[in-house]
Amino acid sequence: MSFQDKYKEYKEKQEAKKYFRSNNDQFLNSAQWSKVIGFGLVAAIVAGAVLGLVIYSLQITSSLFYVICALVVSTTVTKISQIHSQQMAILSVILTVVCYLIGEMTMIYLPLHELGVSMQSVPFFDVFTLSIKTLLTGDLFTTLVAIIGLLIAYANAK
């Protein structure tokens, strides 16, 4: 087989792949992915801030709050992409983790804010690592509820 034949065969395969992906709704192009990730990230940040604010205000850690946040994030991802697939489920889980971390960071920052400590004086990396530690090892109930929320986000987007 000559180089021209191999190149022609390669071009045909690429065209077939492009045609398949354009006519199959399970694949997203890069513009659609960036749109889904962008809106999903905004939803995760807003839901995480609301989660932290509600839990800090009520002083109650309820499994319902975590489940609602997981549903909000996974529903946003699936509504924007209009696809229920394993890829969207994995993205929903990742964004739900971001949501939970933002919620923990909000719960860490609010008492500091009430004490008059500004965010500039507290390093972001320290708050971020503390939120990871708090989420994973702080309270067994919160960790279990977060894991259940992640499973719900995965199931909702799949």
Protein backbone atom coordinates (compact mmCIF):
# COMPACT_ATOMS: atom_id res chain seq x y z
CA MET A 1 0.00 0.00 0.00
CA SER A 2 1.44 3.33 -1.00
CA PHE A 3 1.55 6.45 1.10
CA GLN A 4 -1.26 8.02 -0.96
CA ASP A 5 -3.54 5.05 -0.29
CA LYS A 6 -2.81 5.13 3.43
CA TYR A 7 -3.44 8.86 3.55
CA LYS A 8 -6.72 8.46 1.64
CA GLU A 9 -7.82 5.69 4.01
CA TYR A 10 -6.92 7.87 7.02
CA LYS A 11 -8.93 10.79 5.60
CA GLU A 12 -11.95 8.54 5.03
CA LYS A 13 -11.78 7.26 8.61
CA GLN A 14 -11.57 10.80 9.94
CA GLU A 15 -14.56 11.88 7.83
CA ALA A 16 -16.56 8.85 8.98
CA LYS A 17 -15.71 9.62 12.61
CA LYS A 18 -16.67 13.27 12.14
CA TYR A 19 -19.97 12.29 10.48
CA PHE A 20 -20.74 9.81 13.26
CA ARG A 21 -20.05 12.33 16.00
CA SER A 22 -22.05 15.07 14.31
CA ASN A 23 -25.07 12.77 13.94
CA ASN A 24 -24.79 11.14 17.35
CA ASP A 25 -26.14 13.19 20.24
CA GLN A 26 -23.94 11.38 22.81
CA PHE A 27 -20.84 13.32 21.72
CA LEU A 28 -20.19 16.97 22.42
CA ASN A 29 -17.78 19.23 20.60
CA SER A 30 -15.33 21.45 22.46
CA ALA A 31 -17.64 24.48 22.46
CA GLN A 32 -20.45 22.43 24.01
CA TRP A 33 -18.07 20.94 26.59
CA SER A 34 -16.84 24.36 27.63
CA LYS A 35 -20.43 25.57 27.92
CA VAL A 36 -21.42 22.57 30.06
CA ILE A 37 -18.34 22.84 32.28
CA GLY A 38 -18.72 26.62 32.64
CA PHE A 39 -22.39 26.60 33.60
CA GLY A 40 -21.86 23.53 35.77
CA LEU A 41 -19.01 25.23 37.61
CA VAL A 42 -21.10 28.35 38.20
CA ALA A 43 -23.96 26.19 39.50
CA ALA A 44 -21.54 24.29 41.77
CA ILE A 45 -20.07 27.50 43.19
CA VAL A 46 -23.48 29.08 43.82
CA ALA A 47 -24.93 25.88 45.30
CA GLY A 48 -21.83 25.43 47.48
CA ALA A 49 -22.02 29.00 48.79
CA VAL A 50 -25.72 28.58 49.55
CA LEU A 51 -25.00 25.20 51.21
CA GLY A 52 -22.35 26.72 53.45
CA LEU A 53 -24.51 29.72 54.28
CA VAL A 54 -27.56 27.62 55.15
CA ILE A 55 -25.63 25.09 57.25
CA TYR A 56 -23.76 27.87 59.09
CA SER A 57 -26.93 29.89 59.68
CA LEU A 58 -29.03 26.97 60.90
CA GLN A 59 -26.17 25.13 62.66
CA ILE A 60 -27.67 21.92 61.28
CA THR A 61 -25.93 19.49 58.96
CA SER A 62 -28.76 17.79 57.15
CA SER A 63 -28.42 15.13 54.50
CA LEU A 64 -31.18 16.88 52.61
CA PHE A 65 -28.95 19.92 51.95
CA TYR A 66 -26.20 17.80 50.42
CA VAL A 67 -28.64 15.79 48.33
CA ILE A 68 -30.30 18.97 47.03
CA CYS A 69 -26.91 20.39 46.04
CA ALA A 70 -25.99 17.16 44.25
CA LEU A 71 -29.31 17.21 42.39
CA VAL A 72 -28.93 20.89 41.44
CA VAL A 73 -25.45 20.35 40.02
CA SER A 74 -26.27 17.13 38.15
CA THR A 75 -29.53 18.56 36.79
CA THR A 76 -27.71 21.67 35.57
CA VAL A 77 -25.11 19.55 33.78
CA THR A 78 -27.71 17.34 32.11
CA LYS A 79 -30.02 20.23 31.17
CA ILE A 80 -27.19 22.20 29.56
CA SER A 81 -25.75 19.20 27.71
CA GLN A 82 -29.13 17.51 27.09
CA ILE A 83 -27.32 14.19 27.49
CA HIS A 84 -27.52 11.51 30.16
CA SER A 85 -24.31 9.50 29.89
CA GLN A 86 -21.41 8.24 31.94
CA GLN A 87 -19.32 11.25 30.89
CA MET A 88 -21.96 13.63 32.24
CA ALA A 89 -22.24 11.53 35.40
CA ILE A 90 -18.48 11.78 36.03
CA LEU A 91 -18.57 15.53 35.37
CA SER A 92 -21.51 15.86 37.78
CA VAL A 93 -19.58 14.04 40.50
CA ILE A 94 -16.52 16.25 40.01
CA LEU A 95 -18.60 19.41 40.10
CA THR A 96 -20.49 18.16 43.15
CA VAL A 97 -17.17 17.70 44.95
CA VAL A 98 -16.35 21.31 44.01
CA CYS A 99 -19.76 22.33 45.38
CA TYR A 100 -19.10 20.57 48.69
CA LEU A 101 -15.64 22.13 48.97
CA ILE A 102 -17.05 25.60 48.32
CA GLY A 103 -19.66 24.91 51.01
CA GLU A 104 -16.97 23.90 53.49
CA MET A 105 -14.88 26.93 52.59
CA THR A 106 -17.91 29.16 53.17
CA MET A 107 -18.50 27.56 56.58
CA ILE A 108 -14.83 28.17 57.44
CA TYR A 109 -14.82 31.77 56.23
CA LEU A 110 -18.08 32.98 57.81
CA PRO A 111 -16.92 32.76 61.46
CA LEU A 112 -13.68 34.49 60.50
CA HIS A 113 -15.67 37.24 58.80
CA GLU A 114 -17.80 37.73 61.92
CA LEU A 115 -14.60 38.09 63.96
CA GLY A 116 -13.43 40.85 61.61
CA VAL A 117 -10.73 38.86 59.81
CA SER A 118 -10.57 39.78 56.13
CA MET A 119 -10.12 37.18 53.41
CA GLN A 120 -6.85 38.81 52.32
CA SER A 121 -5.22 37.93 55.65
CA VAL A 122 -6.20 34.25 55.37
CA PRO A 123 -4.35 32.36 52.61
CA PHE A 124 -6.68 30.69 50.11
CA PHE A 125 -4.60 27.52 50.03
CA ASP A 126 -4.92 27.10 53.81
CA VAL A 127 -8.71 27.46 53.67
CA PHE A 128 -8.87 25.06 50.72
CA THR A 129 -6.78 22.36 52.44
CA LEU A 130 -8.72 22.81 55.67
CA SER A 131 -12.00 22.39 53.78
CA ILE A 132 -10.74 19.14 52.24
CA LYS A 133 -9.67 17.85 55.65
CA THR A 134 -12.96 18.91 57.23
CA LEU A 135 -15.02 17.27 54.51
CA LEU A 136 -13.10 13.99 54.61
CA THR A 137 -12.20 13.56 58.26
CA GLY A 138 -14.15 16.18 60.19
CA ASP A 139 -17.41 14.42 60.88
CA LEU A 140 -18.37 10.87 59.93
CA PHE A 141 -22.00 11.83 59.25
CA THR A 142 -21.00 14.66 56.91
CA THR A 143 -18.58 12.41 55.04
CA LEU A 144 -21.20 9.69 54.60
CA VAL A 145 -23.82 12.20 53.48
CA ALA A 146 -21.37 13.71 50.99
CA ILE A 147 -20.64 10.26 49.55
CA ILE A 148 -24.36 9.56 49.28
CA GLY A 149 -24.78 12.91 47.53
CA LEU A 150 -22.05 11.99 45.05
CA LEU A 151 -23.78 8.69 44.32
CA ILE A 152 -27.07 10.52 43.77
CA ALA A 153 -25.37 13.02 41.42
CA TYR A 154 -23.86 10.13 39.45
CA ALA A 155 -27.16 8.27 39.22
CA ASN A 156 -29.09 11.39 38.25
CA ALA A 157 -26.75 12.27 35.39
CA LYS A 158 -26.32 8.75 34.04
